[in-house]
Amino acid sequence: MFGENKIMIDNILFDLDGTLTDPKAGITRCIQFSLENLGVPVPRMDQLTWCIGPSLKESFSKLLNTSDDGILEQAISHYRKRFSQTGMFENIAYPEVASSLRKIKGSGFKVFLATAKPRVFAKQILDHFNLSQFFNAIYGSELDGRFSDKGELIEHILRSENLNPKMSLIVGDRSYDIIGGKKNGIMTAAVSYGYGTQKEIDSSEPDIIFGVFSDLLSFLKISDTPNKSFQWTANRPQ
């Protein structure tokens, strides 16, 4: 169905962090701010990049070695205090994202954001980079934690938008995106420039891997420009 010569995709779901934008500075500084306020040791920024992708609750649970909801809610509250004021804008869009999204939307594809980040923040980030115009709808988690699981979020999007899973694709940089897509029977694509390690990407077995964002144009047959780093994996559906 998704064979190399016949792409049957109408709907594209995009992850945000590590896929459309690089949020390293904002996310890691906000985590450091939270840990400082909790009075616990603070790792260096480069030691916190693994936190880009999972839900905040999951990240803080590992960082603080606790499952205590009260402590985790306090950590998230400190994080969001800085993030809402400063952190969300300590962020940059990856090269060719805006121009590629423009071409994808202009070619008739339905485009959706699917991020574990709270929707209220995701919308502001897309607005900041003038990217909201390219999306049919923006989906994210709720502040109370609902839809922070990528599989549940994708299921919610498919149901809410009445999308055919067999005609849908998720593009992301972490295993959460790929695993969540597979749980819902949609095609999965990993980008190799984000925050998922090569080992993580390989173990999650995406159908396709993009080395740069604009490779998506060649895959969707929007551009005739030869790509240099887009490759089908051994897991691609036929």
Protein backbone atom coordinates (compact mmCIF):
# COMPACT_ATOMS: atom_id res chain seq x y z
CA MET A 1 0.00 0.00 0.00
CA PHE A 2 2.85 2.40 0.86
CA GLY A 3 5.12 0.99 -1.81
CA GLU A 4 7.99 3.09 -3.06
CA ASN A 5 6.34 3.88 -6.39
CA LYS A 6 2.85 4.56 -5.09
CA ILE A 7 2.47 6.75 -2.03
CA MET A 8 -1.10 6.72 -0.76
CA ILE A 9 -0.94 9.42 1.88
CA ASP A 10 -3.51 12.17 2.39
CA ASN A 11 -2.89 13.14 6.01
CA ILE A 12 0.40 14.06 7.69
CA LEU A 13 0.89 14.37 11.45
CA PHE A 14 4.00 16.20 12.63
CA ASP A 15 5.74 16.08 15.96
CA LEU A 16 7.03 19.50 17.10
CA ASP A 17 10.15 19.33 19.27
CA GLY A 18 13.11 17.86 17.41
CA THR A 19 11.10 17.64 14.17
CA LEU A 20 9.91 21.14 13.24
CA THR A 21 11.89 23.14 15.78
CA ASP A 22 14.97 22.74 17.97
CA PRO A 23 13.87 23.55 21.54
CA LYS A 24 17.05 22.47 23.33
CA ALA A 25 17.86 25.78 25.00
CA GLY A 26 14.34 26.45 26.25
CA ILE A 27 13.51 22.97 27.51
CA THR A 28 16.82 22.28 29.21
CA ARG A 29 17.00 25.72 30.87
CA CYS A 30 13.44 25.31 32.18
CA ILE A 31 14.29 21.90 33.61
CA GLN A 32 17.36 23.39 35.27
CA PHE A 33 15.21 26.22 36.67
CA SER A 34 12.76 23.70 38.11
CA LEU A 35 15.46 21.55 39.69
CA GLU A 36 17.13 24.61 41.20
CA ASN A 37 13.85 25.62 42.79
CA LEU A 38 13.44 22.13 44.19
CA GLY A 39 16.93 22.30 45.69
CA VAL A 40 18.31 19.23 43.94
CA PRO A 41 21.49 18.79 41.84
CA VAL A 42 21.21 20.36 38.39
CA PRO A 43 22.67 18.52 35.36
CA ARG A 44 24.30 20.38 32.49
CA MET A 45 22.19 21.25 29.46
CA ASP A 46 23.78 18.53 27.33
CA GLN A 47 22.87 15.97 29.97
CA LEU A 48 19.19 16.86 29.64
CA THR A 49 18.60 16.49 25.89
CA TRP A 50 17.00 13.07 26.46
CA CYS A 51 14.11 15.00 28.06
CA ILE A 52 13.16 16.44 24.66
CA GLY A 53 10.33 14.19 23.53
CA PRO A 54 8.83 12.43 26.55
CA SER A 55 6.15 13.99 28.72
CA LEU A 56 7.35 16.31 31.48
CA LYS A 57 5.98 13.96 34.11
CA GLU A 58 7.98 11.07 32.72
CA SER A 59 11.16 13.16 32.50
CA PHE A 60 10.89 14.57 36.02
CA SER A 61 10.02 11.15 37.40
CA LYS A 62 13.36 9.86 36.12
CA LEU A 63 15.31 12.98 37.08
CA LEU A 64 13.93 13.01 40.63
CA ASN A 65 13.68 9.23 40.95
CA THR A 66 10.13 9.47 42.24
CA SER A 67 6.56 8.71 41.24
CA ASP A 68 5.10 10.99 43.92
CA ASP A 69 2.44 13.05 42.12
CA GLY A 70 2.81 15.97 44.51
CA ILE A 71 6.53 16.33 43.88
CA LEU A 72 6.11 15.88 40.12
CA GLU A 73 3.34 18.48 39.94
CA GLN A 74 5.58 20.91 41.82
CA ALA A 75 8.44 20.26 39.39
CA ILE A 76 6.16 20.77 36.38
CA SER A 77 4.75 23.96 37.90
CA HIS A 78 8.26 25.46 38.26
CA TYR A 79 9.08 24.39 34.72
CA ARG A 80 5.96 25.94 33.22
CA LYS A 81 6.46 29.20 35.10
CA ARG A 82 9.69 29.85 33.18
CA PHE A 83 8.56 28.13 29.97
CA SER A 84 5.41 30.23 29.59
CA GLN A 85 7.36 33.46 29.98
CA THR A 86 10.66 32.75 28.26
CA GLY A 87 11.44 29.12 27.52
CA MET A 88 9.02 28.48 24.68
CA PHE A 89 10.73 31.17 22.60
CA GLU A 90 14.26 29.87 23.26
CA ASN A 91 13.74 27.81 20.17
CA ILE A 92 14.64 27.81 16.47
CA ALA A 93 12.92 26.35 13.40
CA TYR A 94 14.92 23.77 11.48
CA PRO A 95 16.07 24.71 7.96
CA GLU A 96 13.47 24.52 5.17
CA VAL A 97 10.61 23.68 7.52
CA ALA A 98 8.49 26.71 6.61
CA SER A 99 9.07 26.45 2.85
CA SER A 100 8.46 22.68 2.87
CA LEU A 101 5.26 22.96 4.91
CA ARG A 102 4.02 25.61 2.50
CA LYS A 103 4.52 23.24 -0.45
CA ILE A 104 2.97 20.29 1.39
CA LYS A 105 -0.15 22.22 2.38
CA GLY A 106 -0.33 23.80 -1.07
CA SER A 107 -0.28 20.35 -2.67
CA GLY A 108 -3.54 19.41 -0.95
CA PHE A 109 -2.33 17.33 1.99
CA LYS A 110 -4.10 17.67 5.33
CA VAL A 111 -1.52 18.69 7.93
CA PHE A 112 -1.82 18.26 11.70
CA LEU A 113 0.42 18.91 14.67
CA ALA A 114 0.73 15.98 17.08
CA THR A 115 2.89 16.97 20.05
CA ALA A 116 3.10 15.80 23.65
CA LYS A 117 3.68 19.45 24.55
CA PRO A 118 0.56 21.18 25.89
CA ARG A 119 -1.47 22.53 23.00
CA VAL A 120 -1.65 26.00 24.56
CA PHE A 121 2.15 26.31 24.28
CA ALA A 122 2.45 24.52 20.93
CA LYS A 123 0.05 26.98 19.32
CA GLN A 124 2.09 29.95 20.55
CA ILE A 125 5.31 28.39 19.24
CA LEU A 126 3.83 27.78 15.78
CA ASP A 127 2.46 31.33 15.77
CA HIS A 128 5.89 32.66 16.78
CA PHE A 129 7.48 31.03 13.74
CA ASN A 130 4.49 31.87 11.50
CA LEU A 131 3.84 28.16 10.93
CA SER A 132 0.24 27.84 12.16
CA GLN A 133 -1.05 28.84 8.73
CA PHE A 134 0.16 25.52 7.30
CA PHE A 135 -1.84 23.31 9.69
CA ASN A 136 -5.42 22.15 9.42
CA ALA A 137 -5.47 21.69 13.19
CA ILE A 138 -3.07 21.79 16.12
CA TYR A 139 -3.20 18.95 18.64
CA GLY A 140 -1.22 18.54 21.83
CA SER A 141 -1.57 17.37 25.38
CA GLU A 142 -3.75 19.10 27.95
CA LEU A 143 -2.31 20.82 31.02
CA ASP A 144 -3.83 18.08 33.19
CA GLY A 145 -1.74 15.45 31.37
CA ARG A 146 -4.36 14.06 29.00
CA PHE A 147 -2.98 13.03 25.59
CA SER A 148 0.64 13.24 26.75
CA ASP A 149 0.97 9.65 25.53
CA LYS A 150 1.68 9.87 21.79
CA GLY A 151 -0.35 6.78 20.95
CA GLU A 152 -3.42 8.16 22.71
CA LEU A 153 -2.90 11.53 21.06
CA ILE A 154 -2.71 10.04 17.57
CA GLU A 155 -5.82 7.98 18.23
CA HIS A 156 -7.59 11.16 19.37
CA ILE A 157 -6.56 13.00 16.19
CA LEU A 158 -7.62 10.19 13.87
CA ARG A 159 -10.99 9.94 15.58
CA SER A 160 -11.61 13.69 15.90
CA GLU A 161 -10.70 14.41 12.28
CA ASN A 162 -12.21 11.20 10.89
CA LEU A 163 -8.92 10.29 9.20
CA ASN A 164 -8.23 7.00 7.47
CA PRO A 165 -5.22 5.42 9.24
CA LYS A 166 -4.17 3.72 6.01
CA MET A 167 -3.84 7.14 4.37
CA SER A 168 -2.00 8.80 7.26
CA LEU A 169 1.65 9.38 8.20
CA ILE A 170 3.37 10.49 11.42
CA VAL A 171 6.73 12.26 11.19
CA GLY A 172 8.82 12.54 14.36
CA ASP A 173 12.28 12.23 15.87
CA ARG A 174 11.71 9.92 18.86
CA SER A 175 10.56 6.36 19.42
CA TYR A 176 7.38 7.71 21.04
CA ASP A 177 6.27 9.02 17.65
CA ILE A 178 7.02 5.79 15.81
CA ILE A 179 5.55 3.47 18.43
CA GLY A 180 2.47 5.68 18.77
CA GLY A 181 1.97 5.62 15.01
CA LYS A 182 2.31 1.86 14.78
CA LYS A 183 -0.23 1.38 17.57
CA ASN A 184 -2.73 3.24 15.40
CA GLY A 185 -1.90 1.53 12.12
CA ILE A 186 -0.48 4.56 10.34
CA MET A 187 2.73 4.93 8.36
CA THR A 188 5.73 6.07 10.37
CA ALA A 189 8.70 8.27 9.45
CA ALA A 190 11.66 9.22 11.62
CA VAL A 191 13.90 12.25 11.13
CA SER A 192 17.54 11.61 11.98
CA TYR A 193 18.48 15.22 12.81
CA GLY A 194 16.40 15.47 16.01
CA TYR A 195 16.91 14.09 19.51
CA GLY A 196 16.37 10.39 18.95
CA THR A 197 19.64 8.46 18.78
CA GLN A 198 20.33 6.21 15.82
CA LYS A 199 19.91 3.22 18.14
CA GLU A 200 16.52 4.51 19.31
CA ILE A 201 15.35 5.15 15.75
CA ASP A 202 16.49 1.74 14.53
CA SER A 203 14.90 -0.11 17.45
CA SER A 204 11.54 1.61 16.89
CA GLU A 205 11.55 0.39 13.26
CA PRO A 206 10.04 3.31 11.31
CA ASP A 207 8.91 2.71 7.74
CA ILE A 208 11.13 5.48 6.41
CA ILE A 209 13.91 7.80 7.60
CA PHE A 210 14.47 11.41 6.52
CA GLY A 211 17.91 12.97 6.90
CA VAL A 212 16.60 16.49 6.37
CA PHE A 213 13.07 17.86 6.60
CA SER A 214 12.84 18.75 2.91
CA ASP A 215 13.34 15.07 1.97
CA LEU A 216 9.64 14.76 2.71
CA LEU A 217 8.92 16.67 -0.50
CA SER A 218 10.61 14.03 -2.64
CA PHE A 219 8.87 11.26 -0.74
CA LEU A 220 5.47 12.87 -1.34
CA LYS A 221 6.34 13.44 -5.03
CA ILE A 222 6.02 17.20 -4.58
CA SER A 223 9.57 17.90 -5.67
CA ASP A 224 11.57 16.40 -8.50
CA THR A 225 14.80 17.40 -6.75
CA PRO A 226 16.82 14.26 -5.99
CA ASN A 227 17.09 13.68 -2.27
CA LYS A 228 20.32 12.76 -0.56
CA SER A 229 19.27 11.16 2.66
CA PHE A 230 15.71 9.83 2.44
CA GLN A 231 15.60 6.06 2.69
CA TRP A 232 13.05 3.32 3.03
CA THR A 233 13.84 0.91 5.83
CA ALA A 234 13.47 -2.85 5.78
CA ASN A 235 10.23 -2.37 7.74
CA ARG A 236 8.35 -0.42 5.07
CA PRO A 237 4.88 -1.77 4.26
CA GLN A 238 4.28 -2.99 0.71
